[in-house]
């Protein structure tokens, strides 16, 4: 009888573990992004980079652009506060951008 109880307990624990692992494997997280969202973010990133490169005031600066779910993050160094503002404006004007986190700093 004790062997049967132990065996049932083991099977029950194994069943709970596999069910929990299965549920966790299918759950979404804050960093989960579908293929379509990833492609959209890549296009937004490319358009923001192009806008910055085509702007004469910002052309020579190393400005990093990352996009996640339509939110653009700018990072790097520029010479003036006007350049920080200008880069943010350019990013905001790109279609599909929902927000801009402007983390540019002065040299």
PDB file of N, CA and C in Angstrom:
ATOM      1  N   UNK A   1       0.817  -1.194   0.000  1.00  0.00           N
ATOM      2  CA  UNK A   1       0.000   0.000   0.000  1.00  0.00           C
ATOM      3  C   UNK A   1       0.867   1.267   0.000  1.00  0.00           C
ATOM      4  N   UNK A   2       1.938   1.263   0.797  1.00  0.00           N
ATOM      5  CA  UNK A   2       2.818   2.419   0.848  1.00  0.00           C
ATOM      6  C   UNK A   2       3.498   2.639  -0.489  1.00  0.00           C
ATOM      7  N   UNK A   3       3.851   1.543  -1.176  1.00  0.00           N
ATOM      8  CA  UNK A   3       4.469   1.680  -2.490  1.00  0.00           C
ATOM      9  C   UNK A   3       3.502   2.329  -3.472  1.00  0.00           C
ATOM     10  N   UNK A   4       2.239   1.966  -3.386  1.00  0.00           N
ATOM     11  CA  UNK A   4       1.222   2.536  -4.261  1.00  0.00           C
ATOM     12  C   UNK A   4       1.056   4.028  -3.979  1.00  0.00           C
ATOM     13  N   UNK A   5       1.063   4.418  -2.707  1.00  0.00           N
ATOM     14  CA  UNK A   5       0.954   5.836  -2.351  1.00  0.00           C
ATOM     15  C   UNK A   5       2.159   6.618  -2.865  1.00  0.00           C
ATOM     16  N   UNK A   6       3.338   6.082  -2.704  1.00  0.00           N
ATOM     17  CA  UNK A   6       4.546   6.745  -3.185  1.00  0.00           C
ATOM     18  C   UNK A   6       4.510   6.901  -4.703  1.00  0.00           C
ATOM     19  N   UNK A   7       4.088   5.823  -5.370  1.00  0.00           N
ATOM     20  CA  UNK A   7       4.003   5.848  -6.824  1.00  0.00           C
ATOM     21  C   UNK A   7       2.999   6.895  -7.298  1.00  0.00           C
ATOM     22  N   UNK A   8       1.842   6.969  -6.653  1.00  0.00           N
ATOM     23  CA  UNK A   8       0.837   7.973  -6.997  1.00  0.00           C
ATOM     24  C   UNK A   8       1.352   9.383  -6.721  1.00  0.00           C
ATOM     25  N   UNK A   9       2.066   9.567  -5.618  1.00  0.00           N
ATOM     26  CA  UNK A   9       2.629  10.872  -5.283  1.00  0.00           C
ATOM     27  C   UNK A   9       3.647  11.294  -6.334  1.00  0.00           C
ATOM     28  N   UNK A  10       4.481  10.367  -6.775  1.00  0.00           N
ATOM     29  CA  UNK A  10       5.492  10.671  -7.799  1.00  0.00           C
ATOM     30  C   UNK A  10       4.813  11.062  -9.100  1.00  0.00           C
ATOM     31  N   UNK A  11       3.801  10.292  -9.510  1.00  0.00           N
ATOM     32  CA  UNK A  11       3.090  10.619 -10.752  1.00  0.00           C
ATOM     33  C   UNK A  11       2.367  11.953 -10.655  1.00  0.00           C
ATOM     34  N   UNK A  12       1.784  12.220  -9.499  1.00  0.00           N
ATOM     35  CA  UNK A  12       1.087  13.500  -9.302  1.00  0.00           C
ATOM     36  C   UNK A  12       2.077  14.659  -9.378  1.00  0.00           C
ATOM     37  N   UNK A  13       3.221  14.542  -8.723  1.00  0.00           N
ATOM     38  CA  UNK A  13       4.243  15.596  -8.773  1.00  0.00           C
ATOM     39  C   UNK A  13       4.771  15.768 -10.192  1.00  0.00           C
ATOM     40  N   UNK A  14       5.012  14.668 -10.873  1.00  0.00           N
ATOM     41  CA  UNK A  14       5.498  14.743 -12.250  1.00  0.00           C
ATOM     42  C   UNK A  14       4.466  15.428 -13.145  1.00  0.00           C
ATOM     43  N   UNK A  15       3.206  15.112 -12.947  1.00  0.00           N
ATOM     44  CA  UNK A  15       2.133  15.740 -13.729  1.00  0.00           C
ATOM     45  C   UNK A  15       2.051  17.234 -13.472  1.00  0.00           C
ATOM     46  N   UNK A  16       2.185  17.653 -12.224  1.00  0.00           N
ATOM     47  CA  UNK A  16       2.147  19.080 -11.898  1.00  0.00           C
ATOM     48  C   UNK A  16       3.342  19.810 -12.477  1.00  0.00           C
ATOM     49  N   UNK A  17       4.502  19.189 -12.429  1.00  0.00           N
ATOM     50  CA  UNK A  17       5.714  19.827 -12.956  1.00  0.00           C
ATOM     51  C   UNK A  17       5.606  20.006 -14.462  1.00  0.00           C
ATOM     52  N   UNK A  18       5.173  18.971 -15.172  1.00  0.00           N
ATOM     53  CA  UNK A  18       5.084  19.085 -16.630  1.00  0.00           C
ATOM     54  C   UNK A  18       3.994  20.058 -17.045  1.00  0.00           C
ATOM     55  N   UNK A  19       2.897  20.099 -16.299  1.00  0.00           N
ATOM     56  CA  UNK A  19       1.832  21.051 -16.617  1.00  0.00           C
ATOM     57  C   UNK A  19       2.311  22.474 -16.381  1.00  0.00           C
ATOM     58  N   UNK A  20       2.990  22.704 -15.268  1.00  0.00           N
ATOM     59  CA  UNK A  20       3.509  24.040 -14.978  1.00  0.00           C
ATOM     60  C   UNK A  20       4.547  24.452 -15.997  1.00  0.00           C
ATOM     61  N   UNK A  21       5.435  23.554 -16.354  1.00  0.00           N
ATOM     62  CA  UNK A  21       6.464  23.878 -17.342  1.00  0.00           C
ATOM     63  C   UNK A  21       5.829  24.170 -18.690  1.00  0.00           C
ATOM     64  N   UNK A  22       4.806  23.425 -19.040  1.00  0.00           N
ATOM     65  CA  UNK A  22       4.122  23.671 -20.301  1.00  0.00           C
ATOM     66  C   UNK A  22       3.444  25.020 -20.320  1.00  0.00           C
ATOM     67  N   UNK A  23       2.825  25.383 -19.218  1.00  0.00           N
ATOM     68  CA  UNK A  23       2.165  26.685 -19.142  1.00  0.00           C
ATOM     69  C   UNK A  23       3.181  27.815 -19.174  1.00  0.00           C
ATOM     70  N   UNK A  24       4.298  27.638 -18.492  1.00  0.00           N
ATOM     71  CA  UNK A  24       5.318  28.676 -18.489  1.00  0.00           C
ATOM     72  C   UNK A  24       5.956  28.830 -19.858  1.00  0.00           C
ATOM     73  N   UNK A  25       6.104  27.737 -20.556  1.00  0.00           N
ATOM     74  CA  UNK A  25       6.704  27.796 -21.872  1.00  0.00           C
ATOM     75  C   UNK A  25       5.847  28.556 -22.879  1.00  0.00           C
ATOM     76  N   UNK A  26       4.550  28.573 -22.674  1.00  0.00           N
ATOM     77  CA  UNK A  26       3.649  29.230 -23.620  1.00  0.00           C
ATOM     78  C   UNK A  26       3.285  30.648 -23.205  1.00  0.00           C
ATOM     79  N   UNK A  27       3.650  31.026 -22.019  1.00  0.00           N
ATOM     80  CA  UNK A  27       3.246  32.352 -21.562  1.00  0.00           C
ATOM     81  C   UNK A  27       4.080  33.434 -22.232  1.00  0.00           C
ATOM     82  N   UNK A  28       3.513  34.621 -22.316  1.00  0.00           N
ATOM     83  CA  UNK A  28       4.240  35.738 -22.894  1.00  0.00           C
ATOM     84  C   UNK A  28       4.854  36.569 -21.783  1.00  0.00           C
ATOM     85  N   UNK A  29       5.911  37.248 -22.125  1.00  0.00           N
ATOM     86  CA  UNK A  29       6.586  38.108 -21.164  1.00  0.00           C
ATOM     87  C   UNK A  29       6.629  39.513 -21.721  1.00  0.00           C
ATOM     88  N   UNK A  30       7.120  40.433 -20.911  1.00  0.00           N
ATOM     89  CA  UNK A  30       7.212  41.829 -21.348  1.00  0.00           C
ATOM     90  C   UNK A  30       8.171  41.985 -22.521  1.00  0.00           C
ATOM     91  N   UNK A  31       9.119  41.052 -22.670  1.00  0.00           N
ATOM     92  CA  UNK A  31      10.087  41.179 -23.752  1.00  0.00           C
ATOM     93  C   UNK A  31       9.707  40.342 -24.969  1.00  0.00           C
ATOM     94  N   UNK A  32       8.549  39.697 -24.942  1.00  0.00           N
ATOM     95  CA  UNK A  32       8.112  38.882 -26.076  1.00  0.00           C
ATOM     96  C   UNK A  32       7.644  39.778 -27.210  1.00  0.00           C
ATOM     97  N   UNK A  33       8.085  39.452 -28.405  1.00  0.00           N
ATOM     98  CA  UNK A  33       7.755  40.276 -29.559  1.00  0.00           C
ATOM     99  C   UNK A  33       7.490  39.347 -30.740  1.00  0.00           C
ATOM    100  N   UNK A  34       6.354  39.538 -31.408  1.00  0.00           N
ATOM    101  CA  UNK A  34       6.037  38.694 -32.557  1.00  0.00           C
ATOM    102  C   UNK A  34       6.934  39.055 -33.734  1.00  0.00           C
ATOM    103  N   UNK A  35       6.911  38.212 -34.746  1.00  0.00           N
ATOM    104  CA  UNK A  35       7.723  38.461 -35.937  1.00  0.00           C
ATOM    105  C   UNK A  35       7.323  39.763 -36.602  1.00  0.00           C
ATOM    106  N   UNK A  36       6.026  40.013 -36.704  1.00  0.00           N
ATOM    107  CA  UNK A  36       5.546  41.255 -37.313  1.00  0.00           C
ATOM    108  C   UNK A  36       6.001  42.482 -36.551  1.00  0.00           C
ATOM    109  N   UNK A  37       5.936  42.417 -35.214  1.00  0.00           N
ATOM    110  CA  UNK A  37       6.383  43.547 -34.399  1.00  0.00           C
ATOM    111  C   UNK A  37       7.875  43.769 -34.579  1.00  0.00           C
ATOM    112  N   UNK A  38       8.651  42.679 -34.651  1.00  0.00           N
ATOM    113  CA  UNK A  38      10.091  42.800 -34.810  1.00  0.00           C
ATOM    114  C   UNK A  38      10.426  43.470 -36.146  1.00  0.00           C
ATOM    115  N   UNK A  39       9.733  43.057 -37.202  1.00  0.00           N
ATOM    116  CA  UNK A  39       9.963  43.647 -38.515  1.00  0.00           C
ATOM    117  C   UNK A  39       9.573  45.119 -38.506  1.00  0.00           C
ATOM    118  N   UNK A  40       8.422  45.438 -37.922  1.00  0.00           N
ATOM    119  CA  UNK A  40       7.989  46.835 -37.827  1.00  0.00           C
ATOM    120  C   UNK A  40       9.021  47.669 -37.069  1.00  0.00           C
ATOM    121  N   UNK A  41       9.521  47.151 -35.972  1.00  0.00           N
ATOM    122  CA  UNK A  41      10.526  47.872 -35.184  1.00  0.00           C
ATOM    123  C   UNK A  41      11.813  48.053 -35.975  1.00  0.00           C
ATOM    124  N   UNK A  42      12.191  47.069 -36.760  1.00  0.00           N
ATOM    125  CA  UNK A  42      13.393  47.185 -37.589  1.00  0.00           C
ATOM    126  C   UNK A  42      13.231  48.276 -38.635  1.00  0.00           C
ATOM    127  N   UNK A  43      12.039  48.358 -39.219  1.00  0.00           N
ATOM    128  CA  UNK A  43      11.777  49.392 -40.218  1.00  0.00           C
ATOM    129  C   UNK A  43      11.816  50.770 -39.563  1.00  0.00           C
ATOM    130  N   UNK A  44      11.220  50.896 -38.397  1.00  0.00           N
ATOM    131  CA  UNK A  44      11.227  52.179 -37.680  1.00  0.00           C
ATOM    132  C   UNK A  44      12.663  52.579 -37.364  1.00  0.00           C
ATOM    133  N   UNK A  45      13.463  51.636 -36.854  1.00  0.00           N
ATOM    134  CA  UNK A  45      14.857  51.918 -36.535  1.00  0.00           C
ATOM    135  C   UNK A  45      15.606  52.417 -37.765  1.00  0.00           C
ATOM    136  N   UNK A  46      15.401  51.747 -38.893  1.00  0.00           N
ATOM    137  CA  UNK A  46      16.074  52.153 -40.136  1.00  0.00           C
ATOM    138  C   UNK A  46      15.660  53.550 -40.582  1.00  0.00           C
ATOM    139  N   UNK A  47      14.375  53.857 -40.454  1.00  0.00           N
ATOM    140  CA  UNK A  47      13.894  55.180 -40.868  1.00  0.00           C
ATOM    141  C   UNK A  47      14.429  56.280 -39.955  1.00  0.00           C
ATOM    142  N   UNK A  48      14.495  56.000 -38.657  1.00  0.00           N
ATOM    143  CA  UNK A  48      15.035  56.999 -37.721  1.00  0.00           C
ATOM    144  C   UNK A  48      16.519  57.220 -38.000  1.00  0.00           C
ATOM    145  N   UNK A  49      17.266  56.140 -38.206  1.00  0.00           N
ATOM    146  CA  UNK A  49      18.697  56.270 -38.522  1.00  0.00           C
ATOM    147  C   UNK A  49      18.900  57.074 -39.799  1.00  0.00           C
ATOM    148  N   UNK A  50      18.082  56.801 -40.810  1.00  0.00           N
ATOM    149  CA  UNK A  50      18.190  57.538 -42.075  1.00  0.00           C
ATOM    150  C   UNK A  50      17.898  59.021 -41.869  1.00  0.00           C
ATOM    151  N   UNK A  51      16.886  59.332 -41.067  1.00  0.00           N
ATOM    152  CA  UNK A  51      16.548  60.738 -40.813  1.00  0.00           C
ATOM    153  C   UNK A  51      17.698  61.443 -40.102  1.00  0.00           C
ATOM    154  N   UNK A  52      18.340  60.762 -39.179  1.00  0.00           N
ATOM    155  CA  UNK A  52      19.461  61.365 -38.444  1.00  0.00           C
ATOM    156  C   UNK A  52      20.664  61.547 -39.363  1.00  0.00           C
ATOM    157  N   UNK A  53      20.962  60.555 -40.187  1.00  0.00           N
ATOM    158  CA  UNK A  53      22.104  60.653 -41.101  1.00  0.00           C
ATOM    159  C   UNK A  53      21.892  61.755 -42.134  1.00  0.00           C
ATOM    160  N   UNK A  54      20.659  61.935 -42.577  1.00  0.00           N
ATOM    161  CA  UNK A  54      20.355  62.948 -43.596  1.00  0.00           C
ATOM    162  C   UNK A  54      20.281  64.368 -43.029  1.00  0.00           C
ATOM    163  N   UNK A  55      20.280  64.506 -41.716  1.00  0.00           N
ATOM    164  CA  UNK A  55      20.252  65.820 -41.092  1.00  0.00           C
ATOM    165  C   UNK A  55      21.682  66.337 -40.973  1.00  0.00           C
ATOM    166  N   UNK A  56      21.951  67.490 -41.564  1.00  0.00           N
ATOM    167  CA  UNK A  56      23.315  68.040 -41.593  1.00  0.00           C
ATOM    168  C   UNK A  56      23.886  68.279 -40.194  1.00  0.00           C
ATOM    169  N   UNK A  57      23.057  68.697 -39.243  1.00  0.00           N
ATOM    170  CA  UNK A  57      23.552  68.999 -37.900  1.00  0.00           C
ATOM    171  C   UNK A  57      23.937  67.730 -37.135  1.00  0.00           C
ATOM    172  N   UNK A  58      23.313  66.599 -37.458  1.00  0.00           N
ATOM    173  CA  UNK A  58      23.538  65.366 -36.695  1.00  0.00           C
ATOM    174  C   UNK A  58      24.384  64.331 -37.438  1.00  0.00           C
ATOM    175  N   UNK A  59      24.704  64.618 -38.670  1.00  0.00           N
ATOM    176  CA  UNK A  59      25.357  63.653 -39.554  1.00  0.00           C
ATOM    177  C   UNK A  59      26.635  63.046 -38.970  1.00  0.00           C
ATOM    178  N   UNK A  60      27.474  63.819 -38.342  1.00  0.00           N
ATOM    179  CA  UNK A  60      28.771  63.333 -37.889  1.00  0.00           C
ATOM    180  C   UNK A  60      28.780  62.674 -36.528  1.00  0.00           C
ATOM    181  N   UNK A  61      27.652  62.566 -35.878  1.00  0.00           N
ATOM    182  CA  UNK A  61      27.611  62.019 -34.520  1.00  0.00           C
ATOM    183  C   UNK A  61      27.237  60.541 -34.531  1.00  0.00           C
ATOM    184  N   UNK A  62      27.773  59.831 -33.575  1.00  0.00           N
ATOM    185  CA  UNK A  62      27.437  58.419 -33.395  1.00  0.00           C
ATOM    186  C   UNK A  62      26.212  58.343 -32.488  1.00  0.00           C
ATOM    187  N   UNK A  63      25.043  58.214 -33.111  1.00  0.00           N
ATOM    188  CA  UNK A  63      23.792  58.130 -32.363  1.00  0.00           C
ATOM    189  C   UNK A  63      23.230  56.726 -32.559  1.00  0.00           C
ATOM    190  N   UNK A  64      23.050  56.016 -31.460  1.00  0.00           N
ATOM    191  CA  UNK A  64      22.503  54.660 -31.504  1.00  0.00           C
ATOM    192  C   UNK A  64      20.988  54.721 -31.417  1.00  0.00           C
ATOM    193  N   UNK A  65      20.328  53.899 -32.217  1.00  0.00           N
ATOM    194  CA  UNK A  65      18.866  53.867 -32.254  1.00  0.00           C
ATOM    195  C   UNK A  65      18.409  52.434 -32.029  1.00  0.00           C
ATOM    196  N   UNK A  66      17.529  52.245 -31.069  1.00  0.00           N
ATOM    197  CA  UNK A  66      16.897  50.948 -30.823  1.00  0.00           C
ATOM    198  C   UNK A  66      15.405  51.175 -30.730  1.00  0.00           C
ATOM    199  N   UNK A  67      14.626  50.222 -31.220  1.00  0.00           N
ATOM    200  CA  UNK A  67      13.176  50.335 -31.175  1.00  0.00           C
ATOM    201  C   UNK A  67      12.588  49.057 -30.613  1.00  0.00           C
ATOM    202  N   UNK A  68      11.643  49.206 -29.704  1.00  0.00           N
ATOM    203  CA  UNK A  68      10.915  48.070 -29.154  1.00  0.00           C
ATOM    204  C   UNK A  68       9.452  48.452 -29.039  1.00  0.00           C
ATOM    205  N   UNK A  69       8.618  47.756 -29.782  1.00  0.00           N
ATOM    206  CA  UNK A  69       7.176  47.982 -29.811  1.00  0.00           C
ATOM    207  C   UNK A  69       6.835  49.447 -30.075  1.00  0.00           C
ATOM    208  N   UNK A  70       7.533  50.040 -31.016  1.00  0.00           N
ATOM    209  CA  UNK A  70       7.252  51.410 -31.431  1.00  0.00           C
ATOM    210  C   UNK A  70       7.923  52.484 -30.594  1.00  0.00           C
ATOM    211  N   UNK A  71       8.559  52.107 -29.506  1.00  0.00           N
ATOM    212  CA  UNK A  71       9.251  53.070 -28.644  1.00  0.00           C
ATOM    213  C   UNK A  71      10.718  53.123 -29.074  1.00  0.00           C
ATOM    214  N   UNK A  72      11.153  54.299 -29.468  1.00  0.00           N
ATOM    215  CA  UNK A  72      12.522  54.498 -29.955  1.00  0.00           C
ATOM    216  C   UNK A  72      13.391  55.002 -28.816  1.00  0.00           C
ATOM    217  N   UNK A  73      14.566  54.395 -28.657  1.00  0.00           N
ATOM    218  CA  UNK A  73      15.537  54.861 -27.669  1.00  0.00           C
ATOM    219  C   UNK A  73      16.756  55.378 -28.412  1.00  0.00           C
ATOM    220  N   UNK A  74      17.101  56.624 -28.129  1.00  0.00           N
ATOM    221  CA  UNK A  74      18.286  57.250 -28.704  1.00  0.00           C
ATOM    222  C   UNK A  74      19.368  57.304 -27.636  1.00  0.00           C
ATOM    223  N   UNK A  75      20.578  56.922 -28.007  1.00  0.00           N
ATOM    224  CA  UNK A  75      21.692  57.023 -27.065  1.00  0.00           C
ATOM    225  C   UNK A  75      22.950  57.406 -27.830  1.00  0.00           C
ATOM    226  N   UNK A  76      23.889  57.989 -27.111  1.00  0.00           N
ATOM    227  CA  UNK A  76      25.138  58.427 -27.718  1.00  0.00           C
ATOM    228  C   UNK A  76      25.493  59.824 -27.240  1.00  0.00           C
ATOM    229  N   UNK A  77      26.415  60.467 -27.965  1.00  0.00           N
ATOM    230  CA  UNK A  77      26.914  61.772 -27.568  1.00  0.00           C
ATOM    231  C   UNK A  77      26.774  62.771 -28.709  1.00  0.00           C
ATOM    232  N   UNK A  78      26.362  63.985 -28.356  1.00  0.00           N
ATOM    233  CA  UNK A  78      26.281  65.092 -29.313  1.00  0.00           C
ATOM    234  C   UNK A  78      26.893  66.329 -28.659  1.00  0.00           C
ATOM    235  N   UNK A  79      27.069  67.402 -29.459  1.00  0.00           N
ATOM    236  CA  UNK A  79      27.759  68.597 -28.967  1.00  0.00           C
ATOM    237  C   UNK A  79      26.875  69.614 -28.253  1.00  0.00           C
ATOM    238  N   UNK A  80      25.612  69.721 -28.647  1.00  0.00           N
ATOM    239  CA  UNK A  80      24.772  70.794 -28.097  1.00  0.00           C
ATOM    240  C   UNK A  80      23.407  70.270 -27.665  1.00  0.00           C
ATOM    241  N   UNK A  81      22.762  70.993 -26.759  1.00  0.00           N
ATOM    242  CA  UNK A  81      21.387  70.632 -26.383  1.00  0.00           C
ATOM    243  C   UNK A  81      20.430  70.699 -27.577  1.00  0.00           C
ATOM    244  N   UNK A  82      20.700  71.590 -28.528  1.00  0.00           N
ATOM    245  CA  UNK A  82      19.863  71.668 -29.729  1.00  0.00           C
ATOM    246  C   UNK A  82      19.937  70.367 -30.536  1.00  0.00           C
ATOM    247  N   UNK A  83      21.105  69.746 -30.575  1.00  0.00           N
ATOM    248  CA  UNK A  83      21.232  68.473 -31.272  1.00  0.00           C
ATOM    249  C   UNK A  83      20.436  67.370 -30.583  1.00  0.00           C
ATOM    250  N   UNK A  84      20.403  67.388 -29.264  1.00  0.00           N
ATOM    251  CA  UNK A  84      19.592  66.416 -28.514  1.00  0.00           C
ATOM    252  C   UNK A  84      18.121  66.594 -28.885  1.00  0.00           C
ATOM    253  N   UNK A  85      17.668  67.831 -28.849  1.00  0.00           N
ATOM    254  CA  UNK A  85      16.274  68.142 -29.173  1.00  0.00           C
ATOM    255  C   UNK A  85      15.955  67.763 -30.616  1.00  0.00           C
ATOM    256  N   UNK A  86      16.848  68.097 -31.530  1.00  0.00           N
ATOM    257  CA  UNK A  86      16.631  67.829 -32.956  1.00  0.00           C
ATOM    258  C   UNK A  86      16.520  66.327 -33.234  1.00  0.00           C
ATOM    259  N   UNK A  87      17.377  65.530 -32.626  1.00  0.00           N
ATOM    260  CA  UNK A  87      17.327  64.073 -32.823  1.00  0.00           C
ATOM    261  C   UNK A  87      15.995  63.511 -32.310  1.00  0.00           C
ATOM    262  N   UNK A  88      15.531  64.020 -31.180  1.00  0.00           N
ATOM    263  CA  UNK A  88      14.238  63.586 -30.650  1.00  0.00           C
ATOM    264  C   UNK A  88      13.093  63.941 -31.584  1.00  0.00           C
ATOM    265  N   UNK A  89      13.135  65.147 -32.147  1.00  0.00           N
ATOM    266  CA  UNK A  89      12.098  65.578 -33.081  1.00  0.00           C
ATOM    267  C   UNK A  89      12.087  64.695 -34.327  1.00  0.00           C
ATOM    268  N   UNK A  90      13.265  64.425 -34.873  1.00  0.00           N
ATOM    269  CA  UNK A  90      13.348  63.580 -36.066  1.00  0.00           C
ATOM    270  C   UNK A  90      12.754  62.198 -35.791  1.00  0.00           C
ATOM    271  N   UNK A  91      13.079  61.632 -34.642  1.00  0.00           N
ATOM    272  CA  UNK A  91      12.558  60.309 -34.297  1.00  0.00           C
ATOM    273  C   UNK A  91      11.038  60.344 -34.139  1.00  0.00           C
ATOM    274  N   UNK A  92      10.509  61.361 -33.474  1.00  0.00           N
ATOM    275  CA  UNK A  92       9.063  61.471 -33.266  1.00  0.00           C
ATOM    276  C   UNK A  92       8.289  61.599 -34.577  1.00  0.00           C
ATOM    277  N   UNK A  93       8.913  62.170 -35.598  1.00  0.00           N
ATOM    278  CA  UNK A  93       8.243  62.392 -36.870  1.00  0.00           C
ATOM    279  C   UNK A  93       8.208  61.162 -37.776  1.00  0.00           C
ATOM    280  N   UNK A  94       8.844  60.089 -37.375  1.00  0.00           N
ATOM    281  CA  UNK A  94       8.827  58.860 -38.175  1.00  0.00           C
ATOM    282  C   UNK A  94       7.524  58.112 -37.907  1.00  0.00           C
ATOM    283  N   UNK A  95       6.885  57.674 -38.983  1.00  0.00           N
ATOM    284  CA  UNK A  95       5.620  56.961 -38.867  1.00  0.00           C
ATOM    285  C   UNK A  95       5.823  55.648 -38.106  1.00  0.00           C
ATOM    286  N   UNK A  96       4.948  55.398 -37.146  1.00  0.00           N
ATOM    287  CA  UNK A  96       5.006  54.177 -36.347  1.00  0.00           C
ATOM    288  C   UNK A  96       5.631  54.367 -34.984  1.00  0.00           C
ATOM    289  N   UNK A  97       6.285  55.499 -34.764  1.00  0.00           N
ATOM    290  CA  UNK A  97       6.909  55.765 -33.467  1.00  0.00           C
ATOM    291  C   UNK A  97       5.822  56.171 -32.479  1.00  0.00           C
ATOM    292  N   UNK A  98       5.756  55.463 -31.363  1.00  0.00           N
ATOM    293  CA  UNK A  98       4.759  55.779 -30.340  1.00  0.00           C
ATOM    294  C   UNK A  98       5.334  56.646 -29.223  1.00  0.00           C
ATOM    295  N   UNK A  99       6.647  56.526 -28.995  1.00  0.00           N
ATOM    296  CA  UNK A  99       7.304  57.320 -27.943  1.00  0.00           C
ATOM    297  C   UNK A  99       8.798  57.354 -28.239  1.00  0.00           C
ATOM    298  N   UNK A 100       9.470  58.363 -27.699  1.00  0.00           N
ATOM    299  CA  UNK A 100      10.912  58.481 -27.863  1.00  0.00           C
ATOM    300  C   UNK A 100      11.550  58.640 -26.489  1.00  0.00           C
ATOM    301  N   UNK A 101      12.527  57.791 -26.179  1.00  0.00           N
ATOM    302  CA  UNK A 101      13.319  57.926 -24.955  1.00  0.00           C
ATOM    303  C   UNK A 101      14.664  58.482 -25.401  1.00  0.00           C
ATOM    304  N   UNK A 102      14.846  59.743 -25.177  1.00  0.00           N
ATOM    305  CA  UNK A 102      16.035  60.426 -25.650  1.00  0.00           C
ATOM    306  C   UNK A 102      17.100  60.422 -24.555  1.00  0.00           C
ATOM    307  N   UNK A 103      18.039  59.480 -24.676  1.00  0.00           N
ATOM    308  CA  UNK A 103      19.113  59.346 -23.704  1.00  0.00           C
ATOM    309  C   UNK A 103      20.433  59.882 -24.241  1.00  0.00           C
ATOM    310  N   UNK A 104      20.362  60.803 -25.200  1.00  0.00           N
ATOM    311  CA  UNK A 104      21.572  61.435 -25.722  1.00  0.00           C
ATOM    312  C   UNK A 104      22.186  62.326 -24.646  1.00  0.00           C
ATOM    313  N   UNK A 105      23.505  62.376 -24.618  1.00  0.00           N
ATOM    314  CA  UNK A 105      24.192  63.236 -23.652  1.00  0.00           C
ATOM    315  C   UNK A 105      25.201  64.110 -24.374  1.00  0.00           C
ATOM    316  N   UNK A 106      25.581  65.173 -23.686  1.00  0.00           N
ATOM    317  CA  UNK A 106      26.551  66.120 -24.254  1.00  0.00           C
ATOM    318  C   UNK A 106      27.970  65.573 -24.057  1.00  0.00           C
ATOM    319  N   UNK A 107      28.821  65.846 -25.051  1.00  0.00           N
ATOM    320  CA  UNK A 107      30.239  65.477 -24.958  1.00  0.00           C
ATOM    321  C   UNK A 107      30.929  66.345 -23.948  1.00  0.00           C
TER     322      UNK A 107
END
